Amino acid sequence: MEPKSIAFYTAVAVSILAVLSATTFPTLVQAQPTDDDVPAEEENEAINQTEEENEAATEPEEENEAATEPEEEPEEKQKSNSANSNDNGAASQSLGLSPSSGVASCGQIVTEDVTLTSDLECGTGDGLIVGASGITINLNGYSITSSDETGSEDPSMNYDGSSGVLVANADDVDISGLGEISGFDEGVTFMGSSGGSVADVQMANNDIGVLMSGSEETEVSRNTMTNNGIALICDSSNHGAIAFNQVVANLEQGMLLLGCDTNVVAANNMFGNGENGIYLDIMSNTNTIDFNTVFGHEVADLNNDDGRSTNVNQNSFGENNNCGTSTPGGLCR
């Protein structure tokens, strides 16, 4: 065969290139999207991803700044804290407590439970004045004292003076706590009240250690009463209990019951209290006196209205009173 000319092969190559251009290039062109052809959602996602990466890169710096700069307390919270502080102060005042010291103050009217945290040295007025029922005053081992001069008048005839603790027209008030009340006209006064008690307290150097006047169901127990004018006076008070007290060296009388009915006086230890250990007047009826140890009194250890028969006022002196003298006779075992 005769060889083809160069022009022939050139024409064939051009034809092949033409065919390829007509088939392959359009397909490649369609497979390569332009910038205008990128969907809007894909573009937004790319933008969001870029912003998130930028934020992640800056967050550690912001956290570090937050860690180094103290957070300011909101103004509302500051006001709330201030209000709470004021409320606490008001509550302390209602307890008879000073917000600055936490110590009950002399002459304070108390309407909630009180526990002493230090001694109270009062002037010539009252110590604590109870202004509500159902509260407890805990001396907590501390003392309430007065600088008032005592002993100027007959304490059995005058109840108008100062009191270490005054319970007037308040019910179910308890006074306790191994503390001392001294130097007042009356150490503890229950007046027009019911259900009160005083226990484990020392009453010393008062005109009257404990006074019950016009009160009901008062309990006086486990107290120590020394160097008072009169250790205890029950005046027109009924259904009470006076028991387990130590009553020693009071100057004028031990215990006086004046117009008091249906009380129990039992298991008291009494020595050297002036004229009488336990005295009941003609208006005191149906009281029970038993298990007491009473010695060393000038007139009598036990005295039922200066020798009147116990049948007159129906007082019961049991068979277990350990005493030296009585009037009428026969009341001591």
Protein backbone atom coordinates (compact mmCIF):
# COMPACT_ATOMS: atom_id res chain seq x y z
CA MET A 1 0.00 0.00 0.00
CA GLU A 2 1.22 3.36 -0.82
CA PRO A 3 2.04 5.41 2.31
CA LYS A 4 -0.32 8.19 3.24
CA SER A 5 0.81 11.70 3.16
CA ILE A 6 1.39 13.86 6.22
CA ALA A 7 -1.60 15.96 5.28
CA PHE A 8 -3.78 12.88 5.52
CA TYR A 9 -2.72 12.06 9.09
CA THR A 10 -3.10 15.63 10.10
CA ALA A 11 -6.68 15.67 8.82
CA VAL A 12 -7.45 12.45 10.76
CA ALA A 13 -6.05 13.93 14.02
CA VAL A 14 -8.12 17.04 13.63
CA SER A 15 -11.24 14.92 13.07
CA ILE A 16 -10.59 12.91 16.28
CA LEU A 17 -10.07 16.09 18.29
CA ALA A 18 -13.31 17.48 16.94
CA VAL A 19 -15.22 14.37 18.03
CA LEU A 20 -13.71 14.49 21.53
CA SER A 21 -14.52 18.15 21.89
CA ALA A 22 -18.14 17.47 20.96
CA THR A 23 -18.59 14.67 23.55
CA THR A 24 -16.15 14.95 26.50
CA PHE A 25 -15.75 18.67 27.11
CA PRO A 26 -19.49 19.45 27.56
CA THR A 27 -19.67 16.70 30.19
CA LEU A 28 -16.67 18.06 32.06
CA VAL A 29 -18.06 21.53 31.94
CA GLN A 30 -21.40 20.37 33.41
CA ALA A 31 -19.55 18.51 36.22
CA GLN A 32 -17.70 21.66 37.42
CA PRO A 33 -20.24 24.00 39.15
CA THR A 34 -19.59 27.71 39.09
CA ASP A 35 -19.68 30.00 42.14
CA ASP A 36 -23.13 31.17 41.18
CA ASP A 37 -24.40 27.59 41.17
CA VAL A 38 -23.56 26.87 44.97
CA PRO A 39 -26.86 26.40 46.87
CA ALA A 40 -27.76 29.16 49.38
CA GLU A 41 -28.19 26.69 52.28
CA GLU A 42 -24.70 25.25 51.75
CA GLU A 43 -23.29 28.74 51.67
CA ASN A 44 -25.03 29.65 54.97
CA GLU A 45 -23.79 26.47 56.61
CA ALA A 46 -20.25 27.30 55.60
CA ILE A 47 -20.59 30.83 57.01
CA ASN A 48 -22.05 29.53 60.30
CA GLN A 49 -19.29 26.95 60.65
CA THR A 50 -16.70 29.65 60.15
CA GLU A 51 -18.32 31.90 62.82
CA GLU A 52 -18.51 29.03 65.33
CA GLU A 53 -14.86 28.29 64.87
CA ASN A 54 -14.03 31.95 65.46
CA GLU A 55 -16.17 32.03 68.66
CA ALA A 56 -14.55 28.83 69.95
CA ALA A 57 -11.20 30.43 69.44
CA THR A 58 -12.16 33.53 71.51
CA GLU A 59 -14.12 31.82 74.36
CA PRO A 60 -11.07 30.88 76.48
CA GLU A 61 -10.02 34.52 76.60
CA GLU A 62 -13.50 35.59 77.75
CA GLU A 63 -13.56 32.86 80.43
CA ASN A 64 -10.17 33.95 81.68
CA GLU A 65 -11.37 37.54 81.95
CA ALA A 66 -14.45 36.37 83.86
CA ALA A 67 -12.26 34.36 86.23
CA THR A 68 -9.99 37.31 86.97
CA GLU A 69 -12.67 39.98 87.37
CA PRO A 70 -14.99 39.60 90.49
CA GLU A 71 -18.66 39.59 89.69
CA GLU A 72 -20.48 42.59 91.07
CA GLU A 73 -23.42 41.77 93.38
CA PRO A 74 -26.72 42.88 91.85
CA GLU A 75 -28.27 45.92 93.45
CA GLU A 76 -31.47 43.97 94.22
CA LYS A 77 -29.48 41.33 96.12
CA GLN A 78 -27.66 44.01 98.10
CA LYS A 79 -31.00 45.50 99.12
CA SER A 80 -32.29 42.05 100.09
CA ASN A 81 -29.26 41.39 102.29
CA SER A 82 -29.70 44.76 103.96
CA ALA A 83 -33.37 44.02 104.60
CA ASN A 84 -32.53 40.63 106.09
CA SER A 85 -30.01 42.27 108.41
CA ASN A 86 -32.65 44.75 109.56
CA ASP A 87 -35.16 41.94 110.11
CA ASN A 88 -32.66 40.06 112.27
CA GLY A 89 -32.09 43.16 114.34
CA ALA A 90 -35.83 43.64 114.84
CA ALA A 91 -36.22 40.02 115.89
CA SER A 92 -33.41 40.40 118.40
CA GLN A 93 -35.05 43.51 119.82
CA SER A 94 -38.35 41.62 120.26
CA LEU A 95 -36.45 39.05 122.32
CA GLY A 96 -35.00 41.70 124.52
CA LEU A 97 -31.66 41.24 122.83
CA SER A 98 -29.34 43.91 121.54
CA PRO A 99 -28.28 43.12 117.94
CA SER A 100 -24.79 44.37 118.71
CA SER A 101 -24.16 42.24 121.79
CA GLY A 102 -26.81 39.49 121.93
CA VAL A 103 -27.33 40.19 125.66
CA ALA A 104 -30.77 40.66 127.22
CA SER A 105 -31.25 44.13 128.67
CA CYS A 106 -32.66 45.25 132.01
CA GLY A 107 -36.28 46.41 131.93
CA GLN A 108 -36.91 44.73 128.57
CA ILE A 109 -40.38 43.37 127.81
CA VAL A 110 -39.80 39.90 126.39
CA THR A 111 -42.33 38.18 124.16
CA GLU A 112 -40.28 35.16 123.03
CA ASP A 113 -37.90 32.68 124.63
CA VAL A 114 -34.80 34.24 126.16
CA THR A 115 -31.47 32.66 127.11
CA LEU A 116 -29.01 34.85 128.98
CA THR A 117 -25.47 35.05 127.63
CA SER A 118 -24.06 37.25 130.40
CA ASP A 119 -24.96 38.72 133.78
CA LEU A 120 -27.54 41.53 133.96
CA GLU A 121 -26.67 44.29 136.40
CA CYS A 122 -29.82 46.39 136.70
CA GLY A 123 -30.45 49.61 138.55
CA THR A 124 -33.56 50.22 140.61
CA GLY A 125 -36.14 48.92 138.13
CA ASP A 126 -37.28 45.49 137.03
CA GLY A 127 -34.98 42.93 135.47
CA LEU A 128 -37.01 41.17 132.77
CA ILE A 129 -40.73 41.76 132.19
CA VAL A 130 -42.67 38.95 130.54
CA GLY A 131 -45.08 40.26 127.92
CA ALA A 132 -46.45 37.03 126.40
CA SER A 133 -47.66 33.59 127.45
CA GLY A 134 -45.91 30.30 126.80
CA ILE A 135 -42.30 31.49 126.85
CA THR A 136 -39.18 30.28 128.67
CA ILE A 137 -36.55 32.40 130.39
CA ASN A 138 -33.32 30.46 130.74
CA LEU A 139 -30.81 32.12 133.09
CA ASN A 140 -28.21 29.77 131.64
CA GLY A 141 -26.04 30.02 134.74
CA TYR A 142 -25.94 33.85 134.76
CA SER A 143 -27.38 36.33 137.25
CA ILE A 144 -29.87 39.19 137.32
CA THR A 145 -29.02 41.68 140.06
CA SER A 146 -30.34 45.01 141.31
CA SER A 147 -28.72 47.89 143.13
CA ASP A 148 -32.03 48.83 144.78
CA GLU A 149 -32.04 49.07 148.58
CA THR A 150 -34.17 46.30 150.09
CA GLY A 151 -35.64 45.69 153.54
CA SER A 152 -37.19 49.14 154.10
CA GLU A 153 -40.79 47.91 154.63
CA ASP A 154 -42.63 44.76 155.63
CA PRO A 155 -42.41 42.73 152.41
CA SER A 156 -45.63 40.83 153.17
CA MET A 157 -47.59 44.10 153.08
CA ASN A 158 -46.14 45.71 149.96
CA TYR A 159 -45.77 44.14 146.51
CA ASP A 160 -45.19 47.32 144.53
CA GLY A 161 -41.43 47.14 144.22
CA SER A 162 -39.08 45.83 141.55
CA SER A 163 -38.85 42.21 140.36
CA GLY A 164 -35.96 40.29 138.90
CA VAL A 165 -38.45 38.53 136.61
CA LEU A 166 -42.01 39.87 136.51
CA VAL A 167 -44.72 37.60 135.11
CA ALA A 168 -47.98 39.56 135.10
CA ASN A 169 -51.11 38.23 133.35
CA ALA A 170 -49.10 35.75 131.31
CA ASP A 171 -49.68 31.99 131.41
CA ASP A 172 -47.36 28.99 131.14
CA VAL A 173 -44.14 30.95 131.64
CA ASP A 174 -41.13 28.88 132.75
CA ILE A 175 -38.08 30.33 134.50
CA SER A 176 -35.05 28.11 134.98
CA GLY A 177 -31.35 27.78 134.35
CA LEU A 178 -29.12 27.49 137.47
CA GLY A 179 -28.67 31.25 137.68
CA GLU A 180 -29.20 33.75 140.49
CA ILE A 181 -31.67 36.60 141.04
CA SER A 182 -30.67 38.98 143.80
CA GLY A 183 -31.19 42.45 145.25
CA PHE A 184 -34.82 43.03 144.15
CA ASP A 185 -37.99 43.64 146.15
CA GLU A 186 -39.21 40.35 144.66
CA GLY A 187 -36.87 37.92 142.96
CA VAL A 188 -39.61 36.31 140.84
CA THR A 189 -43.21 37.53 140.74
CA PHE A 190 -46.20 35.64 139.33
CA MET A 191 -49.21 37.96 139.36
CA GLY A 192 -52.57 37.12 137.82
CA SER A 193 -51.00 34.25 135.92
CA SER A 194 -51.47 30.50 135.65
CA GLY A 195 -49.35 27.47 134.84
CA GLY A 196 -46.03 29.19 135.51
CA SER A 197 -42.93 27.65 137.04
CA VAL A 198 -39.56 28.59 138.49
CA ALA A 199 -36.98 25.84 138.94
CA ASP A 200 -33.25 25.45 139.62
CA VAL A 201 -32.75 29.15 140.39
CA GLN A 202 -31.08 30.76 143.39
CA MET A 203 -32.93 33.67 145.01
CA ALA A 204 -30.73 35.67 147.40
CA ASN A 205 -30.81 39.06 149.14
CA ASN A 206 -34.30 39.99 147.94
CA ASP A 207 -37.12 41.23 150.17
CA ILE A 208 -39.16 38.26 148.87
CA GLY A 209 -37.57 35.39 147.00
CA VAL A 210 -40.70 34.21 145.12
CA LEU A 211 -44.10 35.91 145.16
CA MET A 212 -47.27 34.26 143.87
CA SER A 213 -50.21 36.67 143.91
CA GLY A 214 -53.62 35.86 142.42
CA SER A 215 -52.13 33.05 140.37
CA GLU A 216 -53.11 29.46 139.66
CA GLU A 217 -51.19 26.18 139.30
CA THR A 218 -47.76 27.71 139.85
CA GLU A 219 -44.86 25.34 140.49
CA VAL A 220 -41.85 26.39 142.56
CA SER A 221 -39.33 23.55 142.73
CA ARG A 222 -35.64 22.74 143.25
CA ASN A 223 -34.71 26.34 144.02
CA THR A 224 -32.30 27.70 146.63
CA MET A 225 -33.57 30.65 148.69
CA THR A 226 -31.10 32.26 151.07
CA ASN A 227 -30.69 35.61 152.86
CA ASN A 228 -33.99 37.01 151.63
CA GLY A 229 -36.40 38.78 153.95
CA ILE A 230 -39.04 36.10 153.26
CA ALA A 231 -38.23 33.11 151.06
CA LEU A 232 -41.72 32.69 149.53
CA ILE A 233 -45.17 34.22 149.78
CA CYS A 234 -48.28 32.56 148.37
CA ASP A 235 -51.07 35.17 148.37
CA SER A 236 -54.53 34.25 147.06
CA SER A 237 -53.04 31.64 144.76
CA ASN A 238 -54.39 28.13 144.39
CA HIS A 239 -53.59 24.61 143.12
CA GLY A 240 -49.84 25.15 143.10
CA ALA A 241 -46.86 23.04 144.15
CA ILE A 242 -43.92 24.13 146.31
CA ALA A 243 -41.47 21.25 146.51
CA PHE A 244 -37.81 20.20 146.79
CA ASN A 245 -36.54 23.69 147.63
CA GLN A 246 -33.59 24.57 149.88
CA VAL A 247 -34.71 27.41 152.18
CA VAL A 248 -31.97 28.55 154.56
CA ALA A 249 -31.13 31.67 156.59
CA ASN A 250 -33.89 33.94 155.36
CA LEU A 251 -34.26 36.77 157.86
CA GLU A 252 -37.98 37.06 158.71
CA GLN A 253 -39.95 34.03 157.52
CA GLY A 254 -39.58 30.89 155.50
CA MET A 255 -42.84 30.32 153.58
CA LEU A 256 -46.10 32.21 154.12
CA LEU A 257 -49.45 31.02 152.75
CA LEU A 258 -52.02 33.84 152.92
CA GLY A 259 -55.47 33.02 151.57
CA CYS A 260 -54.10 30.17 149.47
CA ASP A 261 -56.13 27.01 148.84
CA THR A 262 -55.35 23.46 147.72
CA ASN A 263 -51.59 23.80 147.36
CA VAL A 264 -48.98 21.12 148.04
CA VAL A 265 -45.94 22.04 150.14
CA ALA A 266 -43.67 19.00 150.22
CA ALA A 267 -40.08 17.75 150.46
CA ASN A 268 -38.55 21.15 151.27
CA ASN A 269 -35.42 21.47 153.43
CA MET A 270 -35.65 24.52 155.69
CA PHE A 271 -33.44 25.87 158.44
CA GLY A 272 -33.11 29.09 160.42
CA ASN A 273 -35.59 31.35 158.61
CA GLY A 274 -36.61 33.85 161.29
CA GLU A 275 -39.92 33.34 163.05
CA ASN A 276 -41.57 30.47 161.17
CA GLY A 277 -40.57 27.78 158.76
CA ILE A 278 -44.01 27.26 157.11
CA TYR A 279 -46.93 29.48 158.15
CA LEU A 280 -50.58 29.22 157.01
CA ASP A 281 -53.19 31.85 157.93
CA ILE A 282 -56.88 31.23 158.71
CA MET A 283 -57.88 31.94 155.10
CA SER A 284 -55.65 29.21 153.68
CA ASN A 285 -57.67 26.02 153.26
CA THR A 286 -57.24 22.37 152.18
CA ASN A 287 -53.48 22.61 151.66
CA THR A 288 -51.21 19.56 152.04
CA ILE A 289 -47.98 19.89 154.04
CA ASP A 290 -45.82 16.77 154.12
CA PHE A 291 -42.30 15.28 153.82
CA ASN A 292 -40.65 18.58 154.81
CA THR A 293 -37.54 18.86 156.97
CA VAL A 294 -37.87 22.08 159.02
CA PHE A 295 -35.70 23.17 161.95
CA GLY A 296 -34.33 26.16 163.81
CA HIS A 297 -37.14 28.73 163.78
CA GLU A 298 -37.96 31.19 166.55
CA VAL A 299 -41.73 30.64 166.85
CA ALA A 300 -42.42 27.33 165.13
CA ASP A 301 -41.14 25.14 162.36
CA LEU A 302 -44.75 24.48 161.29
CA ASN A 303 -47.45 27.00 162.18
CA ASN A 304 -51.14 26.70 161.36
CA ASP A 305 -52.56 30.20 162.03
CA ASP A 306 -50.76 30.70 165.33
CA GLY A 307 -51.95 27.43 166.84
CA ARG A 308 -55.46 27.15 165.42
CA SER A 309 -56.67 23.58 164.96
CA THR A 310 -56.14 22.17 161.49
CA ASN A 311 -59.82 21.13 161.46
CA VAL A 312 -60.80 24.79 161.12
CA ASN A 313 -59.19 25.37 157.75
CA GLN A 314 -58.89 21.70 156.74
CA ASN A 315 -55.17 21.80 156.11
CA SER A 316 -53.47 18.42 156.09
CA PHE A 317 -50.13 18.02 157.83
CA GLY A 318 -48.95 14.55 156.90
CA GLU A 319 -47.09 12.13 159.11
CA ASN A 320 -43.72 12.67 157.44
CA ASN A 321 -42.77 16.21 158.43
CA ASN A 322 -39.42 16.08 160.19
CA CYS A 323 -39.37 19.15 162.44
CA GLY A 324 -38.67 20.29 166.01
CA THR A 325 -41.61 22.50 166.94
CA SER A 326 -45.15 23.10 165.70
CA THR A 327 -48.21 25.10 166.66
CA PRO A 328 -50.58 23.54 167.35
CA GLY A 329 -48.45 20.72 168.66
CA GLY A 330 -48.31 17.27 167.15
CA LEU A 331 -47.54 18.28 163.53
CA CYS A 332 -43.96 16.99 163.65
CA ARG A 333 -43.16 13.30 163.62
